[in-house]
C-alpha atoms as a PDB file:
ATOM      1  CA  THR A   1     -34.465  22.969 -69.702  1.00  0.00           C
ATOM      2  CA  GLY A   2     -35.384  20.135 -67.370  1.00  0.00           C
ATOM      3  CA  ASP A   3     -36.245  22.572 -64.584  1.00  0.00           C
ATOM      4  CA  SER A   4     -38.792  24.470 -66.703  1.00  0.00           C
ATOM      5  CA  MET A   5     -40.692  21.244 -67.326  1.00  0.00           C
ATOM      6  CA  LYS A   6     -40.461  20.391 -63.619  1.00  0.00           C
ATOM      7  CA  LYS A   7     -41.897  23.814 -62.733  1.00  0.00           C
ATOM      8  CA  LYS A   8     -44.950  23.154 -64.867  1.00  0.00           C
ATOM      9  CA  ILE A   9     -45.389  19.660 -63.422  1.00  0.00           C
ATOM     10  CA  VAL A  10     -45.143  21.038 -59.869  1.00  0.00           C
ATOM     11  CA  GLU A  11     -47.738  23.701 -60.692  1.00  0.00           C
ATOM     12  CA  VAL A  12     -50.221  21.188 -62.118  1.00  0.00           C
ATOM     13  CA  LEU A  13     -49.735  18.553 -59.410  1.00  0.00           C
ATOM     14  CA  LEU A  14     -50.208  21.038 -56.578  1.00  0.00           C
ATOM     15  CA  LYS A  15     -53.145  22.762 -58.230  1.00  0.00           C
ATOM     16  CA  GLU A  16     -54.952  19.480 -58.836  1.00  0.00           C
ATOM     17  CA  GLY A  17     -53.996  18.035 -55.442  1.00  0.00           C
ATOM     18  CA  HIS A  18     -52.834  14.786 -56.995  1.00  0.00           C
ATOM     19  CA  ALA A  19     -49.995  12.527 -55.939  1.00  0.00           C
ATOM     20  CA  GLY A  20     -46.417  13.707 -55.843  1.00  0.00           C
ATOM     21  CA  GLU A  21     -46.506  15.984 -52.790  1.00  0.00           C
ATOM     22  CA  LYS A  22     -43.609  14.224 -51.046  1.00  0.00           C
ATOM     23  CA  GLU A  23     -41.504  14.346 -54.219  1.00  0.00           C
ATOM     24  CA  ILE A  24     -42.263  18.044 -54.688  1.00  0.00           C
ATOM     25  CA  LEU A  25     -41.274  18.809 -51.088  1.00  0.00           C
ATOM     26  CA  ASP A  26     -38.083  16.768 -51.544  1.00  0.00           C
ATOM     27  CA  LEU A  27     -37.315  18.730 -54.722  1.00  0.00           C
ATOM     28  CA  ALA A  28     -37.903  21.999 -52.839  1.00  0.00           C
ATOM     29  CA  VAL A  29     -35.389  20.967 -50.153  1.00  0.00           C
ATOM     30  CA  GLU A  30     -32.929  19.954 -52.861  1.00  0.00           C
ATOM     31  CA  CYS A  31     -33.289  23.375 -54.532  1.00  0.00           C
ATOM     32  CA  LEU A  32     -32.971  25.187 -51.189  1.00  0.00           C
ATOM     33  CA  ASN A  33     -29.533  23.608 -50.846  1.00  0.00           C
ATOM     34  CA  ASP A  34     -28.407  24.521 -54.368  1.00  0.00           C
ATOM     35  CA  ASP A  35     -28.099  28.216 -55.237  1.00  0.00           C
ATOM     36  CA  ARG A  36     -27.703  27.309 -58.918  1.00  0.00           C
ATOM     37  CA  ARG A  37     -31.382  26.305 -58.879  1.00  0.00           C
ATOM     38  CA  LYS A  38     -32.852  29.482 -57.367  1.00  0.00           C
ATOM     39  CA  ASP A  39     -35.406  29.842 -60.183  1.00  0.00           C
ATOM     40  CA  MET A  40     -36.732  26.379 -59.449  1.00  0.00           C
ATOM     41  CA  ARG A  41     -36.698  27.134 -55.692  1.00  0.00           C
ATOM     42  CA  TYR A  42     -38.715  30.303 -56.275  1.00  0.00           C
ATOM     43  CA  ALA A  43     -41.189  28.564 -58.602  1.00  0.00           C
ATOM     44  CA  ILE A  44     -41.833  25.694 -56.185  1.00  0.00           C
ATOM     45  CA  GLY A  45     -42.159  28.095 -53.262  1.00  0.00           C
ATOM     46  CA  LYS A  46     -44.698  30.238 -55.101  1.00  0.00           C
ATOM     47  CA  GLU A  47     -46.770  27.177 -55.948  1.00  0.00           C
ATOM     48  CA  LEU A  48     -46.575  25.854 -52.381  1.00  0.00           C
ATOM     49  CA  SER A  49     -47.691  29.265 -51.167  1.00  0.00           C
ATOM     50  CA  LYS A  50     -50.723  29.328 -53.482  1.00  0.00           C
ATOM     51  CA  ASN A  51     -51.901  25.880 -52.398  1.00  0.00           C
ATOM     52  CA  TYR A  52     -50.601  25.831 -48.816  1.00  0.00           C
ATOM     53  CA  LYS A  53     -51.134  22.837 -46.528  1.00  0.00           C
ATOM     54  CA  THR A  54     -49.733  22.356 -43.039  1.00  0.00           C
ATOM     55  CA  SER A  55     -47.755  19.409 -44.385  1.00  0.00           C
ATOM     56  CA  TYR A  56     -45.555  22.056 -46.064  1.00  0.00           C
ATOM     57  CA  ASP A  57     -44.495  23.606 -42.725  1.00  0.00           C
ATOM     58  CA  LYS A  58     -41.035  21.976 -42.600  1.00  0.00           C
ATOM     59  CA  VAL A  59     -40.169  23.230 -46.077  1.00  0.00           C
ATOM     60  CA  ALA A  60     -41.707  26.659 -45.348  1.00  0.00           C
ATOM     61  CA  LEU A  61     -39.470  26.901 -42.291  1.00  0.00           C
ATOM     62  CA  LEU A  62     -36.429  26.243 -44.489  1.00  0.00           C
ATOM     63  CA  TYR A  63     -37.563  29.029 -46.837  1.00  0.00           C
ATOM     64  CA  LEU A  64     -37.870  31.406 -43.863  1.00  0.00           C
ATOM     65  CA  GLN A  65     -34.397  30.437 -42.602  1.00  0.00           C
ATOM     66  CA  SER A  66     -32.678  31.001 -45.949  1.00  0.00           C
ATOM     67  CA  LYS A  67     -29.893  33.548 -46.378  1.00  0.00           C
ATOM     68  CA  ASP A  68     -31.453  34.577 -49.715  1.00  0.00           C
ATOM     69  CA  SER A  69     -33.913  37.455 -49.215  1.00  0.00           C
ATOM     70  CA  THR A  70     -36.197  36.434 -52.091  1.00  0.00           C
ATOM     71  CA  THR A  71     -36.467  32.931 -50.649  1.00  0.00           C
ATOM     72  CA  VAL A  72     -37.331  34.409 -47.229  1.00  0.00           C
ATOM     73  CA  GLY A  73     -39.963  36.586 -48.917  1.00  0.00           C
ATOM     74  CA  ILE A  74     -41.555  33.491 -50.441  1.00  0.00           C
ATOM     75  CA  GLY A  75     -41.469  31.866 -46.992  1.00  0.00           C
ATOM     76  CA  LEU A  76     -43.350  34.910 -45.670  1.00  0.00           C
ATOM     77  CA  ASP A  77     -45.926  34.381 -48.453  1.00  0.00           C
ATOM     78  CA  MET A  78     -46.368  30.835 -47.180  1.00  0.00           C
ATOM     79  CA  TYR A  79     -46.857  32.107 -43.632  1.00  0.00           C
ATOM     80  CA  LYS A  80     -49.316  34.751 -44.821  1.00  0.00           C
ATOM     81  CA  ASN A  81     -51.423  32.122 -46.567  1.00  0.00           C
ATOM     82  CA  SER A  82     -51.265  29.604 -43.721  1.00  0.00           C
ATOM     83  CA  LYS A  83     -50.771  31.485 -40.423  1.00  0.00           C
ATOM     84  CA  SER A  84     -49.305  28.166 -39.300  1.00  0.00           C
ATOM     85  CA  GLU A  85     -48.301  28.078 -35.623  1.00  0.00           C
ATOM     86  CA  GLY A  86     -45.183  26.109 -36.591  1.00  0.00           C
ATOM     87  CA  LEU A  87     -43.813  29.110 -38.492  1.00  0.00           C
ATOM     88  CA  VAL A  88     -44.562  31.908 -36.003  1.00  0.00           C
ATOM     89  CA  SER A  89     -41.258  31.762 -34.100  1.00  0.00           C
ATOM     90  CA  GLN A  90     -39.213  32.092 -37.307  1.00  0.00           C
ATOM     91  CA  VAL A  91     -41.390  34.976 -38.572  1.00  0.00           C
ATOM     92  CA  GLU A  92     -40.882  36.640 -35.160  1.00  0.00           C
ATOM     93  CA  ALA A  93     -37.116  36.178 -35.518  1.00  0.00           C
ATOM     94  CA  ILE A  94     -37.238  37.931 -38.907  1.00  0.00           C
ATOM     95  CA  ALA A  95     -39.328  40.730 -37.382  1.00  0.00           C
ATOM     96  CA  LYS A  96     -36.687  41.239 -34.659  1.00  0.00           C
ATOM     97  CA  GLU A  97     -33.657  41.377 -36.964  1.00  0.00           C
ATOM     98  CA  LYS A  98     -31.436  44.379 -36.323  1.00  0.00           C
ATOM     99  CA  LYS A  99     -31.055  45.396 -39.952  1.00  0.00           C
ATOM    100  CA  LYS A 100     -34.125  47.030 -41.481  1.00  0.00           C
ATOM    101  CA  THR A 101     -35.136  45.061 -44.574  1.00  0.00           C
ATOM    102  CA  SER A 102     -38.318  44.673 -46.570  1.00  0.00           C
ATOM    103  CA  ASN A 103     -38.689  41.152 -45.123  1.00  0.00           C
ATOM    104  CA  LYS A 104     -38.393  42.519 -41.573  1.00  0.00           C
ATOM    105  CA  THR A 105     -41.043  45.164 -42.279  1.00  0.00           C
ATOM    106  CA  ARG A 106     -43.302  42.559 -43.870  1.00  0.00           C
ATOM    107  CA  ALA A 107     -42.848  40.094 -40.999  1.00  0.00           C
ATOM    108  CA  ARG A 108     -43.799  42.840 -38.527  1.00  0.00           C
ATOM    109  CA  LYS A 109     -46.965  43.567 -40.521  1.00  0.00           C
ATOM    110  CA  LEU A 110     -47.893  39.879 -40.717  1.00  0.00           C
ATOM    111  CA  LEU A 111     -47.548  39.645 -36.933  1.00  0.00           C
ATOM    112  CA  ASN A 112     -49.505  42.889 -36.427  1.00  0.00           C
ATOM    113  CA  LEU A 113     -46.507  44.543 -34.773  1.00  0.00           C
ATOM    114  CA  PRO A 114     -46.069  48.309 -35.037  1.00  0.00           C
ATOM    115  CA  GLU A 115     -43.743  49.559 -37.723  1.00  0.00           C
ATOM    116  CA  GLU A 116     -40.385  50.720 -36.463  1.00  0.00           C
ATOM    117  CA  ASP A 117     -39.942  54.442 -36.802  1.00  0.00           C
ATOM    118  CA  GLU A 118     -36.506  55.381 -38.144  1.00  0.00           C
ATOM    119  CA  ASN A 119     -36.775  58.862 -36.641  1.00  0.00           C
ATOM    120  CA  GLU A 120     -37.494  57.320 -33.253  1.00  0.00           C
ATOM    121  CA  SER A 121     -34.331  55.241 -33.315  1.00  0.00           C
ATOM    122  CA  LYS A 122     -32.326  58.256 -34.528  1.00  0.00           C
ATOM    123  CA  SER A 123     -33.718  60.461 -31.763  1.00  0.00           C
ATOM    124  CA  ASN A 124     -32.835  57.768 -29.194  1.00  0.00           C
ATOM    125  CA  LYS A 125     -29.248  57.792 -30.461  1.00  0.00           C
ATOM    126  CA  GLU A 126     -29.168  61.600 -30.354  1.00  0.00           C
ATOM    127  CA  THR A 127     -30.528  61.571 -26.799  1.00  0.00           C
ATOM    128  CA  ASN A 128     -27.863  59.079 -25.738  1.00  0.00           C
ATOM    129  CA  VAL A 129     -25.124  61.273 -27.254  1.00  0.00           C
ATOM    130  CA  LYS A 130     -26.517  64.388 -25.519  1.00  0.00           C
ATOM    131  CA  ASP A 131     -26.759  62.542 -22.194  1.00  0.00           C
ATOM    132  CA  LYS A 132     -23.162  61.413 -22.546  1.00  0.00           C
ATOM    133  CA  GLU A 133     -22.039  64.967 -23.338  1.00  0.00           C
ATOM    134  CA  LYS A 134     -23.920  66.309 -20.291  1.00  0.00           C
ATOM    135  CA  SER A 135     -22.354  63.733 -17.975  1.00  0.00           C
ATOM    136  CA  GLU A 136     -18.892  64.580 -19.358  1.00  0.00           C
ATOM    137  CA  LYS A 137     -19.491  68.289 -18.682  1.00  0.00           C
ATOM    138  CA  ILE A 138     -20.669  67.535 -15.143  1.00  0.00           C
ATOM    139  CA  ASN A 139     -17.571  65.400 -14.553  1.00  0.00           C
ATOM    140  CA  ASP A 140     -15.391  68.245 -15.870  1.00  0.00           C
ATOM    141  CA  LEU A 141     -16.969  70.629 -13.350  1.00  0.00           C
ATOM    142  CA  LYS A 142     -16.226  68.339 -10.403  1.00  0.00           C
END
């Protein structure tokens, strides 16, 4: 297909550092907005990650903000390879998400944050339930 040829061209252009960077970044944005082209999105993202430059930050931010978990994972690869200050706040947002996901765990590791302990959160919930039960019993006695 046309996209498979484009993937190869993207790979070669980025590896060699030749012209075409703006066009590749434009193509990445185009693919980020079209879920039918996820394979192309993933391929471009992987290549951008391998050869990361700060000029990719805007596109990397879009990868990190995606609703697609694989795309976010590729965005985390970009952050890992760049440690770009422009991406930190979005990686922090992923690390603070309520739902435990592999991307959340990975973002926490990349930011050197401690891993969340599932047992700890369960024990906090159990403590809250016990405290509530105790207060109800005390109220019943009054």
